[in-house]
Amino acid sequence: MSAILTRPRPQAAAPSRRQRGSVLDALPTIASVAILLLMFVYGEMAYGKIFQANTISNLFINSSYLIILAVGMTFVILTGGIDLSVGAVIAVSSLSGVFLVNAGVPVLIAVPATILIGSLFGLVSGVLVQYFNVQPFIATLAMMFLARGIASIMATTPVRLDDDSAFRALATPIKLIDGPKTNDLVVTPSVLIMIVVVIVAVLVLKRTRFGRTVYAIGGAENSAGLMGLPVARTKLWVYLISGTLAGLAAVVYTARTGIAQNVTGVGWELDAIAAVVIGGTMLTGGYGFVLGSVVGALVIGMMTLLITRDGTVPPEATTIITGGILLAFVLLQRVVLLRKKKKA
């Protein structure tokens, strides 16, 4: 009886190394979600009318093109690569689409053609990286200059779509909830396209052999090759995906603004990279979430919205603040990597 009474109680199992590692890996993503929530709270306290339907609607409508870009960039960065060409590709694709529509080409042909132009640039980048052993930075930088040069030759002044163009139907508001006054919950076909892109990307990365190969390449490319994974084909596909989504982002952005010009997309590749990094994807590859990249894009979109609401902060401050947040998250990633090495 005494032995039974004095038997030590079983202690709760300590978190495994894998559990601790997963929490540590997710730390940047958790931080980005916290920053987004803090932005909402600060905006409501400072300016009001942030926690309402029309503000949320505008945030997603205005950020839809960046979210699509960030999804494509996530695939590339997960493999340890980079794509600097997407901003310039948007300029070429956008101008091409507007020229085709204004020339009388049906929208059902012009829109796929616009997307395919982005796919072509992504394909060339992938071939340079995989089959010519060009560093991703150099390969996509070359494609950026090429695309920007072509865009500058195509038009030196803005080119506009007609207000009644079928191309602009993608920006047609769809009212989901009829709120008081102008406080309506609204989406557009472009937002629905963005949601589909995000869902498909999540499923591809988490539920397919291709997605597992993407993560494996970022973790250790040589090991992935020794395991018999299709490294070459996968790396080609990730740049093709990035270029295709850049073309799709061009369609979404042009439908909303109705304008195409050769300076469209300047610096957007950096916004996409920032969104991916802020969302928790490691620049070294091998770890990250598509949904984290979505949160990162919303952080940038929310920051722009708050600066606009303030009215006294110059627009250039957006770049400075984005750079500061990006630097903080890069340092956070370094801390995470160092902690993981110590625990290994």
C-alpha atoms as a PDB file:
ATOM      1  CA  MET A   1       0.000   0.000   0.000  1.00  0.00           C
ATOM      2  CA  SER A   2       2.764   2.433   0.928  1.00  0.00           C
ATOM      3  CA  ALA A   3       4.550   1.686  -2.361  1.00  0.00           C
ATOM      4  CA  ILE A   4       1.411   2.555  -4.244  1.00  0.00           C
ATOM      5  CA  LEU A   5       0.947   5.794  -2.319  1.00  0.00           C
ATOM      6  CA  THR A   6       4.548   6.872  -2.867  1.00  0.00           C
ATOM      7  CA  ARG A   7       4.687   5.963  -6.556  1.00  0.00           C
ATOM      8  CA  PRO A   8       5.719   9.112  -8.479  1.00  0.00           C
ATOM      9  CA  ARG A   9       3.085  10.623 -10.714  1.00  0.00           C
ATOM     10  CA  PRO A  10       3.796  10.518 -14.426  1.00  0.00           C
ATOM     11  CA  GLN A  11       5.021  13.862 -15.688  1.00  0.00           C
ATOM     12  CA  ALA A  12       3.719  15.533 -18.832  1.00  0.00           C
ATOM     13  CA  ALA A  13       5.859  14.706 -21.813  1.00  0.00           C
ATOM     14  CA  ALA A  14       8.255  17.459 -22.772  1.00  0.00           C
ATOM     15  CA  PRO A  15       7.872  18.937 -26.260  1.00  0.00           C
ATOM     16  CA  SER A  16       9.843  16.959 -28.801  1.00  0.00           C
ATOM     17  CA  ARG A  17      12.700  18.500 -30.757  1.00  0.00           C
ATOM     18  CA  ARG A  18      10.553  18.458 -33.883  1.00  0.00           C
ATOM     19  CA  GLN A  19       7.726  20.326 -32.085  1.00  0.00           C
ATOM     20  CA  ARG A  20      10.152  22.932 -30.731  1.00  0.00           C
ATOM     21  CA  GLY A  21      11.682  23.289 -34.184  1.00  0.00           C
ATOM     22  CA  SER A  22       8.308  23.770 -35.875  1.00  0.00           C
ATOM     23  CA  VAL A  23       7.326  26.489 -33.396  1.00  0.00           C
ATOM     24  CA  LEU A  24      10.684  28.187 -33.918  1.00  0.00           C
ATOM     25  CA  ASP A  25      10.297  28.002 -37.703  1.00  0.00           C
ATOM     26  CA  ALA A  26       6.823  29.529 -37.527  1.00  0.00           C
ATOM     27  CA  LEU A  27       7.991  32.454 -35.381  1.00  0.00           C
ATOM     28  CA  PRO A  28       8.361  34.946 -38.310  1.00  0.00           C
ATOM     29  CA  THR A  29       4.870  34.062 -39.566  1.00  0.00           C
ATOM     30  CA  ILE A  30       3.416  34.506 -36.087  1.00  0.00           C
ATOM     31  CA  ALA A  31       5.160  37.879 -35.866  1.00  0.00           C
ATOM     32  CA  SER A  32       3.716  38.999 -39.210  1.00  0.00           C
ATOM     33  CA  VAL A  33       0.179  38.082 -38.097  1.00  0.00           C
ATOM     34  CA  ALA A  34       0.738  40.031 -34.875  1.00  0.00           C
ATOM     35  CA  ILE A  35       1.958  43.080 -36.822  1.00  0.00           C
ATOM     36  CA  LEU A  36      -1.099  42.977 -39.095  1.00  0.00           C
ATOM     37  CA  LEU A  37      -3.438  42.829 -36.097  1.00  0.00           C
ATOM     38  CA  LEU A  38      -1.577  45.687 -34.407  1.00  0.00           C
ATOM     39  CA  MET A  39      -1.936  47.758 -37.590  1.00  0.00           C
ATOM     40  CA  PHE A  40      -5.691  47.208 -37.536  1.00  0.00           C
ATOM     41  CA  VAL A  41      -5.921  48.181 -33.860  1.00  0.00           C
ATOM     42  CA  TYR A  42      -3.728  51.259 -34.317  1.00  0.00           C
ATOM     43  CA  GLY A  43      -5.677  52.343 -37.402  1.00  0.00           C
ATOM     44  CA  GLU A  44      -8.995  52.023 -35.593  1.00  0.00           C
ATOM     45  CA  MET A  45      -7.723  54.000 -32.603  1.00  0.00           C
ATOM     46  CA  ALA A  46      -5.992  56.706 -34.656  1.00  0.00           C
ATOM     47  CA  TYR A  47      -8.306  57.167 -37.642  1.00  0.00           C
ATOM     48  CA  GLY A  48     -11.432  55.083 -37.051  1.00  0.00           C
ATOM     49  CA  LYS A  49     -13.515  53.119 -39.563  1.00  0.00           C
ATOM     50  CA  ILE A  50     -10.859  50.422 -39.993  1.00  0.00           C
ATOM     51  CA  PHE A  51     -12.798  47.462 -38.587  1.00  0.00           C
ATOM     52  CA  GLN A  52     -15.544  47.707 -41.176  1.00  0.00           C
ATOM     53  CA  ALA A  53     -16.565  45.901 -44.328  1.00  0.00           C
ATOM     54  CA  ASN A  54     -15.608  48.482 -46.953  1.00  0.00           C
ATOM     55  CA  THR A  55     -12.087  48.884 -45.525  1.00  0.00           C
ATOM     56  CA  ILE A  56     -11.524  45.134 -45.584  1.00  0.00           C
ATOM     57  CA  SER A  57     -12.930  44.984 -49.121  1.00  0.00           C
ATOM     58  CA  ASN A  58     -10.626  47.727 -50.366  1.00  0.00           C
ATOM     59  CA  LEU A  59      -7.619  46.110 -48.680  1.00  0.00           C
ATOM     60  CA  PHE A  60      -8.131  42.849 -50.552  1.00  0.00           C
ATOM     61  CA  ILE A  61      -9.090  44.517 -53.850  1.00  0.00           C
ATOM     62  CA  ASN A  62      -6.030  46.779 -53.816  1.00  0.00           C
ATOM     63  CA  SER A  63      -3.680  43.990 -52.662  1.00  0.00           C
ATOM     64  CA  SER A  64      -4.932  41.244 -54.998  1.00  0.00           C
ATOM     65  CA  TYR A  65      -2.206  41.741 -57.620  1.00  0.00           C
ATOM     66  CA  LEU A  66       0.543  41.785 -54.956  1.00  0.00           C
ATOM     67  CA  ILE A  67      -0.817  38.644 -53.312  1.00  0.00           C
ATOM     68  CA  ILE A  68      -0.730  36.841 -56.672  1.00  0.00           C
ATOM     69  CA  LEU A  69       2.855  38.018 -57.223  1.00  0.00           C
ATOM     70  CA  ALA A  70       3.835  36.925 -53.714  1.00  0.00           C
ATOM     71  CA  VAL A  71       2.395  33.442 -54.263  1.00  0.00           C
ATOM     72  CA  GLY A  72       4.583  32.994 -57.353  1.00  0.00           C
ATOM     73  CA  MET A  73       7.609  34.363 -55.533  1.00  0.00           C
ATOM     74  CA  THR A  74       6.992  31.920 -52.676  1.00  0.00           C
ATOM     75  CA  PHE A  75       7.551  28.962 -55.002  1.00  0.00           C
ATOM     76  CA  VAL A  76      10.848  30.424 -56.192  1.00  0.00           C
ATOM     77  CA  ILE A  77      12.207  31.393 -52.779  1.00  0.00           C
ATOM     78  CA  LEU A  78      11.245  28.005 -51.316  1.00  0.00           C
ATOM     79  CA  THR A  79      13.783  26.459 -53.710  1.00  0.00           C
ATOM     80  CA  GLY A  80      16.428  28.949 -52.563  1.00  0.00           C
ATOM     81  CA  GLY A  81      16.077  31.094 -55.697  1.00  0.00           C
ATOM     82  CA  ILE A  82      14.893  34.623 -56.461  1.00  0.00           C
ATOM     83  CA  ASP A  83      12.941  36.272 -59.293  1.00  0.00           C
ATOM     84  CA  LEU A  84      13.750  39.915 -59.933  1.00  0.00           C
ATOM     85  CA  SER A  85      11.921  40.072 -63.266  1.00  0.00           C
ATOM     86  CA  VAL A  86       8.277  39.997 -62.178  1.00  0.00           C
ATOM     87  CA  GLY A  87       7.780  43.777 -61.951  1.00  0.00           C
ATOM     88  CA  ALA A  88       9.103  44.359 -65.480  1.00  0.00           C
ATOM     89  CA  VAL A  89       7.174  41.345 -66.774  1.00  0.00           C
ATOM     90  CA  ILE A  90       3.985  42.981 -65.497  1.00  0.00           C
ATOM     91  CA  ALA A  91       4.785  46.087 -67.573  1.00  0.00           C
ATOM     92  CA  VAL A  92       5.288  44.085 -70.792  1.00  0.00           C
ATOM     93  CA  SER A  93       2.264  41.864 -70.182  1.00  0.00           C
ATOM     94  CA  SER A  94       0.026  44.796 -69.282  1.00  0.00           C
ATOM     95  CA  LEU A  95       0.992  46.817 -72.354  1.00  0.00           C
ATOM     96  CA  SER A  96       0.560  43.777 -74.580  1.00  0.00           C
ATOM     97  CA  GLY A  97      -2.897  43.077 -73.231  1.00  0.00           C
ATOM     98  CA  VAL A  98      -4.085  46.665 -73.666  1.00  0.00           C
ATOM     99  CA  PHE A  99      -2.674  46.890 -77.196  1.00  0.00           C
ATOM    100  CA  LEU A 100      -4.405  43.656 -78.146  1.00  0.00           C
ATOM    101  CA  VAL A 101      -7.768  44.773 -76.756  1.00  0.00           C
ATOM    102  CA  ASN A 102      -7.517  48.220 -78.355  1.00  0.00           C
ATOM    103  CA  ALA A 103      -6.684  46.547 -81.666  1.00  0.00           C
ATOM    104  CA  GLY A 104      -9.985  44.683 -81.518  1.00  0.00           C
ATOM    105  CA  VAL A 105      -8.751  41.303 -80.299  1.00  0.00           C
ATOM    106  CA  PRO A 106     -11.466  39.575 -78.210  1.00  0.00           C
ATOM    107  CA  VAL A 107     -10.844  39.673 -74.474  1.00  0.00           C
ATOM    108  CA  LEU A 108     -11.081  35.877 -74.296  1.00  0.00           C
ATOM    109  CA  ILE A 109      -7.954  35.806 -76.445  1.00  0.00           C
ATOM    110  CA  ALA A 110      -6.199  38.929 -75.103  1.00  0.00           C
ATOM    111  CA  VAL A 111      -6.302  37.848 -71.448  1.00  0.00           C
ATOM    112  CA  PRO A 112      -4.702  34.401 -71.977  1.00  0.00           C
ATOM    113  CA  ALA A 113      -2.147  36.030 -74.301  1.00  0.00           C
ATOM    114  CA  THR A 114      -1.252  38.518 -71.559  1.00  0.00           C
ATOM    115  CA  ILE A 115      -0.696  35.677 -69.097  1.00  0.00           C
ATOM    116  CA  LEU A 116       1.294  33.610 -71.605  1.00  0.00           C
ATOM    117  CA  ILE A 117       3.735  36.473 -72.125  1.00  0.00           C
ATOM    118  CA  GLY A 118       4.539  36.275 -68.432  1.00  0.00           C
ATOM    119  CA  SER A 119       4.883  32.502 -68.757  1.00  0.00           C
ATOM    120  CA  LEU A 120       7.407  32.948 -71.573  1.00  0.00           C
ATOM    121  CA  PHE A 121       9.659  35.165 -69.475  1.00  0.00           C
ATOM    122  CA  GLY A 122       9.396  32.737 -66.558  1.00  0.00           C
ATOM    123  CA  LEU A 123      10.285  29.823 -68.828  1.00  0.00           C
ATOM    124  CA  VAL A 124      13.394  31.576 -70.131  1.00  0.00           C
ATOM    125  CA  SER A 125      14.472  32.384 -66.565  1.00  0.00           C
ATOM    126  CA  GLY A 126      14.033  28.749 -65.572  1.00  0.00           C
ATOM    127  CA  VAL A 127      16.050  27.503 -68.544  1.00  0.00           C
ATOM    128  CA  LEU A 128      18.876  29.929 -67.763  1.00  0.00           C
ATOM    129  CA  VAL A 129      18.952  28.874 -64.112  1.00  0.00           C
ATOM    130  CA  GLN A 130      18.681  25.126 -64.558  1.00  0.00           C
ATOM    131  CA  TYR A 131      20.254  24.283 -67.898  1.00  0.00           C
ATOM    132  CA  PHE A 132      22.843  27.054 -68.254  1.00  0.00           C
ATOM    133  CA  ASN A 133      23.758  27.161 -64.547  1.00  0.00           C
ATOM    134  CA  VAL A 134      23.196  30.913 -64.344  1.00  0.00           C
ATOM    135  CA  GLN A 135      22.670  32.187 -60.826  1.00  0.00           C
ATOM    136  CA  PRO A 136      18.969  33.058 -60.250  1.00  0.00           C
ATOM    137  CA  PHE A 137      19.890  36.628 -59.300  1.00  0.00           C
ATOM    138  CA  ILE A 138      21.755  37.186 -62.584  1.00  0.00           C
ATOM    139  CA  ALA A 139      19.298  35.282 -64.785  1.00  0.00           C
ATOM    140  CA  THR A 140      16.222  37.106 -63.531  1.00  0.00           C
ATOM    141  CA  LEU A 141      18.064  40.440 -63.432  1.00  0.00           C
ATOM    142  CA  ALA A 142      18.828  39.986 -67.134  1.00  0.00           C
ATOM    143  CA  MET A 143      15.176  39.178 -67.807  1.00  0.00           C
ATOM    144  CA  MET A 144      14.157  42.257 -65.825  1.00  0.00           C
ATOM    145  CA  PHE A 145      16.281  44.536 -68.010  1.00  0.00           C
ATOM    146  CA  LEU A 146      15.053  42.774 -71.149  1.00  0.00           C
ATOM    147  CA  ALA A 147      11.387  43.088 -70.183  1.00  0.00           C
ATOM    148  CA  ARG A 148      11.740  46.702 -69.081  1.00  0.00           C
ATOM    149  CA  GLY A 149      13.524  47.562 -72.306  1.00  0.00           C
ATOM    150  CA  ILE A 150      10.804  45.947 -74.408  1.00  0.00           C
ATOM    151  CA  ALA A 151       8.141  47.809 -72.436  1.00  0.00           C
ATOM    152  CA  SER A 152       9.928  51.120 -73.048  1.00  0.00           C
ATOM    153  CA  ILE A 153      10.012  50.410 -76.774  1.00  0.00           C
ATOM    154  CA  MET A 154       6.325  49.432 -76.822  1.00  0.00           C
ATOM    155  CA  ALA A 155       5.106  52.718 -75.323  1.00  0.00           C
ATOM    156  CA  THR A 156       6.570  55.917 -73.926  1.00  0.00           C
ATOM    157  CA  THR A 157       3.213  57.262 -72.722  1.00  0.00           C
ATOM    158  CA  PRO A 158       0.372  55.601 -70.809  1.00  0.00           C
ATOM    159  CA  VAL A 159      -2.040  53.503 -72.863  1.00  0.00           C
ATOM    160  CA  ARG A 160      -5.648  53.356 -71.709  1.00  0.00           C
ATOM    161  CA  LEU A 161      -8.481  50.906 -72.006  1.00  0.00           C
ATOM    162  CA  ASP A 162     -11.957  52.145 -72.846  1.00  0.00           C
ATOM    163  CA  ASP A 163     -14.110  52.489 -69.747  1.00  0.00           C
ATOM    164  CA  ASP A 164     -16.610  50.002 -71.192  1.00  0.00           C
ATOM    165  CA  SER A 165     -13.931  47.498 -72.237  1.00  0.00           C
ATOM    166  CA  ALA A 166     -14.734  43.900 -71.363  1.00  0.00           C
ATOM    167  CA  PHE A 167     -11.181  43.651 -69.991  1.00  0.00           C
ATOM    168  CA  ARG A 168     -12.260  45.832 -67.083  1.00  0.00           C
ATOM    169  CA  ALA A 169     -15.068  43.452 -66.146  1.00  0.00           C
ATOM    170  CA  LEU A 170     -12.585  41.731 -63.819  1.00  0.00           C
ATOM    171  CA  ALA A 171     -12.772  44.840 -61.626  1.00  0.00           C
ATOM    172  CA  THR A 172     -16.575  44.912 -61.462  1.00  0.00           C
ATOM    173  CA  PRO A 173     -17.729  45.124 -57.816  1.00  0.00           C
ATOM    174  CA  ILE A 174     -19.827  42.240 -56.518  1.00  0.00           C
ATOM    175  CA  LYS A 175     -21.735  43.147 -53.358  1.00  0.00           C
ATOM    176  CA  LEU A 176     -21.777  40.322 -50.826  1.00  0.00           C
ATOM    177  CA  ILE A 177     -23.247  42.207 -47.866  1.00  0.00           C
ATOM    178  CA  ASP A 178     -25.320  45.378 -48.197  1.00  0.00           C
ATOM    179  CA  GLY A 179     -24.223  47.403 -45.203  1.00  0.00           C
ATOM    180  CA  PRO A 180     -25.352  50.799 -43.945  1.00  0.00           C
ATOM    181  CA  LYS A 181     -24.486  53.696 -46.271  1.00  0.00           C
ATOM    182  CA  THR A 182     -21.262  52.760 -48.099  1.00  0.00           C
ATOM    183  CA  ASN A 183     -20.146  50.124 -45.604  1.00  0.00           C
ATOM    184  CA  ASP A 184     -20.647  47.186 -47.977  1.00  0.00           C
ATOM    185  CA  LEU A 185     -18.665  43.975 -48.174  1.00  0.00           C
ATOM    186  CA  VAL A 186     -17.566  43.889 -51.808  1.00  0.00           C
ATOM    187  CA  VAL A 187     -15.371  41.633 -53.904  1.00  0.00           C
ATOM    188  CA  THR A 188     -14.401  41.683 -57.560  1.00  0.00           C
ATOM    189  CA  PRO A 189     -13.707  38.826 -59.995  1.00  0.00           C
ATOM    190  CA  SER A 190     -10.013  39.678 -59.534  1.00  0.00           C
ATOM    191  CA  VAL A 191     -10.278  38.998 -55.795  1.00  0.00           C
ATOM    192  CA  LEU A 192     -11.992  35.679 -56.507  1.00  0.00           C
ATOM    193  CA  ILE A 193      -9.188  34.798 -58.934  1.00  0.00           C
ATOM    194  CA  MET A 194      -6.646  35.660 -56.239  1.00  0.00           C
ATOM    195  CA  ILE A 195      -8.425  33.408 -53.735  1.00  0.00           C
ATOM    196  CA  VAL A 196      -8.408  30.520 -56.218  1.00  0.00           C
ATOM    197  CA  VAL A 197      -4.680  31.061 -56.866  1.00  0.00           C
ATOM    198  CA  VAL A 198      -3.939  30.952 -53.130  1.00  0.00           C
ATOM    199  CA  ILE A 199      -6.014  27.803 -52.556  1.00  0.00           C
ATOM    200  CA  VAL A 200      -4.449  25.984 -55.495  1.00  0.00           C
ATOM    201  CA  ALA A 201      -0.935  27.006 -54.403  1.00  0.00           C
ATOM    202  CA  VAL A 202      -1.535  25.756 -50.858  1.00  0.00           C
ATOM    203  CA  LEU A 203      -2.822  22.420 -52.126  1.00  0.00           C
ATOM    204  CA  VAL A 204       0.034  22.032 -54.617  1.00  0.00           C
ATOM    205  CA  LEU A 205       2.731  22.713 -52.024  1.00  0.00           C
ATOM    206  CA  LYS A 206       1.198  20.638 -49.242  1.00  0.00           C
ATOM    207  CA  ARG A 207      -0.530  17.776 -51.048  1.00  0.00           C
ATOM    208  CA  THR A 208       1.489  16.963 -54.156  1.00  0.00           C
ATOM    209  CA  ARG A 209       4.820  15.343 -54.966  1.00  0.00           C
ATOM    210  CA  PHE A 210       5.776  18.523 -56.811  1.00  0.00           C
ATOM    211  CA  GLY A 211       5.266  20.573 -53.654  1.00  0.00           C
ATOM    212  CA  ARG A 212       7.318  18.193 -51.538  1.00  0.00           C
ATOM    213  CA  THR A 213      10.082  18.383 -54.134  1.00  0.00           C
ATOM    214  CA  VAL A 214      10.040  22.194 -53.955  1.00  0.00           C
ATOM    215  CA  TYR A 215      10.632  22.043 -50.202  1.00  0.00           C
ATOM    216  CA  ALA A 216      13.277  19.332 -50.598  1.00  0.00           C
ATOM    217  CA  ILE A 217      15.248  21.402 -53.129  1.00  0.00           C
ATOM    218  CA  GLY A 218      15.274  24.361 -50.761  1.00  0.00           C
ATOM    219  CA  GLY A 219      16.336  22.173 -47.871  1.00  0.00           C
ATOM    220  CA  ALA A 220      19.203  20.436 -49.685  1.00  0.00           C
ATOM    221  CA  GLU A 221      19.242  20.330 -53.482  1.00  0.00           C
ATOM    222  CA  ASN A 222      21.991  17.704 -53.730  1.00  0.00           C
ATOM    223  CA  SER A 223      20.183  15.406 -51.330  1.00  0.00           C
ATOM    224  CA  ALA A 224      16.946  15.870 -53.283  1.00  0.00           C
ATOM    225  CA  GLY A 225      18.762  14.767 -56.446  1.00  0.00           C
ATOM    226  CA  LEU A 226      20.247  11.728 -54.715  1.00  0.00           C
ATOM    227  CA  MET A 227      16.757  10.771 -53.559  1.00  0.00           C
ATOM    228  CA  GLY A 228      15.665  10.603 -57.183  1.00  0.00           C
ATOM    229  CA  LEU A 229      13.445  13.673 -57.067  1.00  0.00           C
ATOM    230  CA  PRO A 230      12.938  15.574 -60.360  1.00  0.00           C
ATOM    231  CA  VAL A 231      15.064  18.577 -59.388  1.00  0.00           C
ATOM    232  CA  ALA A 232      15.650  19.989 -62.882  1.00  0.00           C
ATOM    233  CA  ARG A 233      12.014  19.809 -63.935  1.00  0.00           C
ATOM    234  CA  THR A 234      10.805  21.264 -60.647  1.00  0.00           C
ATOM    235  CA  LYS A 235      13.171  24.250 -60.745  1.00  0.00           C
ATOM    236  CA  LEU A 236      12.060  24.984 -64.294  1.00  0.00           C
ATOM    237  CA  TRP A 237       8.434  24.834 -63.222  1.00  0.00           C
ATOM    238  CA  VAL A 238       8.813  27.213 -60.261  1.00  0.00           C
ATOM    239  CA  TYR A 239      10.116  29.994 -62.514  1.00  0.00           C
ATOM    240  CA  LEU A 240       7.400  29.220 -65.032  1.00  0.00           C
ATOM    241  CA  ILE A 241       4.823  29.510 -62.240  1.00  0.00           C
ATOM    242  CA  SER A 242       6.324  32.814 -61.092  1.00  0.00           C
ATOM    243  CA  GLY A 243       6.228  34.260 -64.617  1.00  0.00           C
ATOM    244  CA  THR A 244       2.693  33.009 -65.234  1.00  0.00           C
ATOM    245  CA  LEU A 245       1.416  34.554 -62.016  1.00  0.00           C
ATOM    246  CA  ALA A 246       3.194  37.797 -62.931  1.00  0.00           C
ATOM    247  CA  GLY A 247       1.202  37.776 -66.173  1.00  0.00           C
ATOM    248  CA  LEU A 248      -1.977  37.094 -64.204  1.00  0.00           C
ATOM    249  CA  ALA A 249      -1.128  39.923 -61.791  1.00  0.00           C
ATOM    250  CA  ALA A 250      -0.762  42.204 -64.834  1.00  0.00           C
ATOM    251  CA  VAL A 251      -4.295  41.270 -65.912  1.00  0.00           C
ATOM    252  CA  VAL A 252      -5.699  41.919 -62.427  1.00  0.00           C
ATOM    253  CA  TYR A 253      -3.906  45.270 -62.023  1.00  0.00           C
ATOM    254  CA  THR A 254      -4.730  46.534 -65.520  1.00  0.00           C
ATOM    255  CA  ALA A 255      -8.388  45.587 -65.148  1.00  0.00           C
ATOM    256  CA  ARG A 256      -8.589  47.713 -61.987  1.00  0.00           C
ATOM    257  CA  THR A 257      -6.709  50.779 -63.235  1.00  0.00           C
ATOM    258  CA  GLY A 258      -7.463  50.637 -66.960  1.00  0.00           C
ATOM    259  CA  ILE A 259      -3.972  51.948 -67.707  1.00  0.00           C
ATOM    260  CA  ALA A 260      -0.774  50.302 -68.931  1.00  0.00           C
ATOM    261  CA  GLN A 261       2.614  52.017 -69.087  1.00  0.00           C
ATOM    262  CA  ASN A 262       6.272  51.149 -69.304  1.00  0.00           C
ATOM    263  CA  VAL A 263       6.951  52.155 -65.690  1.00  0.00           C
ATOM    264  CA  THR A 264       4.284  49.883 -64.264  1.00  0.00           C
ATOM    265  CA  GLY A 265       5.709  47.418 -61.773  1.00  0.00           C
ATOM    266  CA  VAL A 266       8.892  49.318 -60.902  1.00  0.00           C
ATOM    267  CA  GLY A 267      10.008  47.928 -57.545  1.00  0.00           C
ATOM    268  CA  TRP A 268       7.128  45.460 -57.304  1.00  0.00           C
ATOM    269  CA  GLU A 269       9.520  42.527 -57.337  1.00  0.00           C
ATOM    270  CA  LEU A 270      10.938  43.905 -54.082  1.00  0.00           C
ATOM    271  CA  ASP A 271       7.430  44.264 -52.644  1.00  0.00           C
ATOM    272  CA  ALA A 272       6.740  40.631 -53.538  1.00  0.00           C
ATOM    273  CA  ILE A 273      10.006  39.475 -51.958  1.00  0.00           C
ATOM    274  CA  ALA A 274       9.259  41.573 -48.871  1.00  0.00           C
ATOM    275  CA  ALA A 275       5.772  40.057 -48.588  1.00  0.00           C
ATOM    276  CA  VAL A 276       7.206  36.535 -48.797  1.00  0.00           C
ATOM    277  CA  VAL A 277       9.932  37.210 -46.221  1.00  0.00           C
ATOM    278  CA  ILE A 278       7.590  39.056 -43.852  1.00  0.00           C
ATOM    279  CA  GLY A 279       5.214  36.099 -44.191  1.00  0.00           C
ATOM    280  CA  GLY A 280       7.859  33.760 -42.786  1.00  0.00           C
ATOM    281  CA  THR A 281       9.410  32.065 -45.825  1.00  0.00           C
ATOM    282  CA  MET A 282      13.125  31.551 -45.303  1.00  0.00           C
ATOM    283  CA  LEU A 283      15.348  33.259 -47.871  1.00  0.00           C
ATOM    284  CA  THR A 284      17.590  30.204 -47.744  1.00  0.00           C
ATOM    285  CA  GLY A 285      14.673  28.080 -48.942  1.00  0.00           C
ATOM    286  CA  GLY A 286      13.099  24.919 -47.624  1.00  0.00           C
ATOM    287  CA  TYR A 287      10.559  26.457 -45.280  1.00  0.00           C
ATOM    288  CA  GLY A 288       7.606  28.780 -45.689  1.00  0.00           C
ATOM    289  CA  PHE A 289       3.867  29.118 -46.177  1.00  0.00           C
ATOM    290  CA  VAL A 290       1.757  30.517 -49.009  1.00  0.00           C
ATOM    291  CA  LEU A 291      -0.699  31.842 -46.442  1.00  0.00           C
ATOM    292  CA  GLY A 292       2.203  33.551 -44.685  1.00  0.00           C
ATOM    293  CA  SER A 293       3.020  35.356 -47.934  1.00  0.00           C
ATOM    294  CA  VAL A 294      -0.624  36.451 -48.145  1.00  0.00           C
ATOM    295  CA  VAL A 295      -0.323  37.928 -44.647  1.00  0.00           C
ATOM    296  CA  GLY A 296       2.926  39.653 -45.661  1.00  0.00           C
ATOM    297  CA  ALA A 297       1.217  41.230 -48.679  1.00  0.00           C
ATOM    298  CA  LEU A 298      -1.653  42.395 -46.471  1.00  0.00           C
ATOM    299  CA  VAL A 299       0.847  43.964 -44.054  1.00  0.00           C
ATOM    300  CA  ILE A 300       2.260  46.029 -46.929  1.00  0.00           C
ATOM    301  CA  GLY A 301      -1.247  46.872 -48.168  1.00  0.00           C
ATOM    302  CA  MET A 302      -2.395  47.871 -44.684  1.00  0.00           C
ATOM    303  CA  MET A 303       0.670  50.039 -44.208  1.00  0.00           C
ATOM    304  CA  THR A 304      -0.128  51.878 -47.449  1.00  0.00           C
ATOM    305  CA  LEU A 305      -3.749  52.309 -46.341  1.00  0.00           C
ATOM    306  CA  LEU A 306      -2.752  53.787 -42.973  1.00  0.00           C
ATOM    307  CA  ILE A 307      -0.295  56.206 -44.613  1.00  0.00           C
ATOM    308  CA  THR A 308      -3.044  57.300 -47.000  1.00  0.00           C
ATOM    309  CA  ARG A 309      -5.490  57.764 -44.110  1.00  0.00           C
ATOM    310  CA  ASP A 310      -2.935  59.836 -42.196  1.00  0.00           C
ATOM    311  CA  GLY A 311      -2.397  62.245 -45.064  1.00  0.00           C
ATOM    312  CA  THR A 312       0.668  63.878 -43.530  1.00  0.00           C
ATOM    313  CA  VAL A 313       3.155  61.069 -44.202  1.00  0.00           C
ATOM    314  CA  PRO A 314       4.805  61.281 -47.649  1.00  0.00           C
ATOM    315  CA  PRO A 315       4.165  58.262 -49.925  1.00  0.00           C
ATOM    316  CA  GLU A 316       7.926  57.678 -50.089  1.00  0.00           C
ATOM    317  CA  ALA A 317       7.769  56.672 -46.442  1.00  0.00           C
ATOM    318  CA  THR A 318       6.117  53.423 -47.519  1.00  0.00           C
ATOM    319  CA  THR A 319       9.401  52.270 -49.024  1.00  0.00           C
ATOM    320  CA  ILE A 320      11.354  53.251 -45.918  1.00  0.00           C
ATOM    321  CA  ILE A 321       8.947  51.514 -43.550  1.00  0.00           C
ATOM    322  CA  THR A 322       8.812  48.412 -45.765  1.00  0.00           C
ATOM    323  CA  GLY A 323      12.608  48.299 -45.765  1.00  0.00           C
ATOM    324  CA  GLY A 324      12.691  48.587 -41.989  1.00  0.00           C
ATOM    325  CA  ILE A 325      10.144  45.794 -41.513  1.00  0.00           C
ATOM    326  CA  LEU A 326      11.978  43.617 -44.042  1.00  0.00           C
ATOM    327  CA  LEU A 327      15.286  44.157 -42.250  1.00  0.00           C
ATOM    328  CA  ALA A 328      13.696  43.214 -38.940  1.00  0.00           C
ATOM    329  CA  PHE A 329      12.318  39.982 -40.388  1.00  0.00           C
ATOM    330  CA  VAL A 330      15.601  39.072 -42.078  1.00  0.00           C
ATOM    331  CA  LEU A 331      17.339  39.479 -38.716  1.00  0.00           C
ATOM    332  CA  LEU A 332      14.594  37.405 -37.083  1.00  0.00           C
ATOM    333  CA  GLN A 333      15.212  34.662 -39.642  1.00  0.00           C
ATOM    334  CA  ARG A 334      18.920  34.731 -38.835  1.00  0.00           C
ATOM    335  CA  VAL A 335      18.133  34.347 -35.138  1.00  0.00           C
ATOM    336  CA  VAL A 336      15.844  31.393 -35.909  1.00  0.00           C
ATOM    337  CA  LEU A 337      18.545  29.713 -38.017  1.00  0.00           C
ATOM    338  CA  LEU A 338      21.182  30.203 -35.316  1.00  0.00           C
ATOM    339  CA  ARG A 339      18.867  28.783 -32.647  1.00  0.00           C
ATOM    340  CA  LYS A 340      18.128  25.768 -34.839  1.00  0.00           C
ATOM    341  CA  LYS A 341      21.859  25.126 -35.320  1.00  0.00           C
ATOM    342  CA  LYS A 342      22.413  25.242 -31.587  1.00  0.00           C
ATOM    343  CA  LYS A 343      19.568  22.796 -30.978  1.00  0.00           C
ATOM    344  CA  ALA A 344      20.741  20.426 -33.732  1.00  0.00           C
END
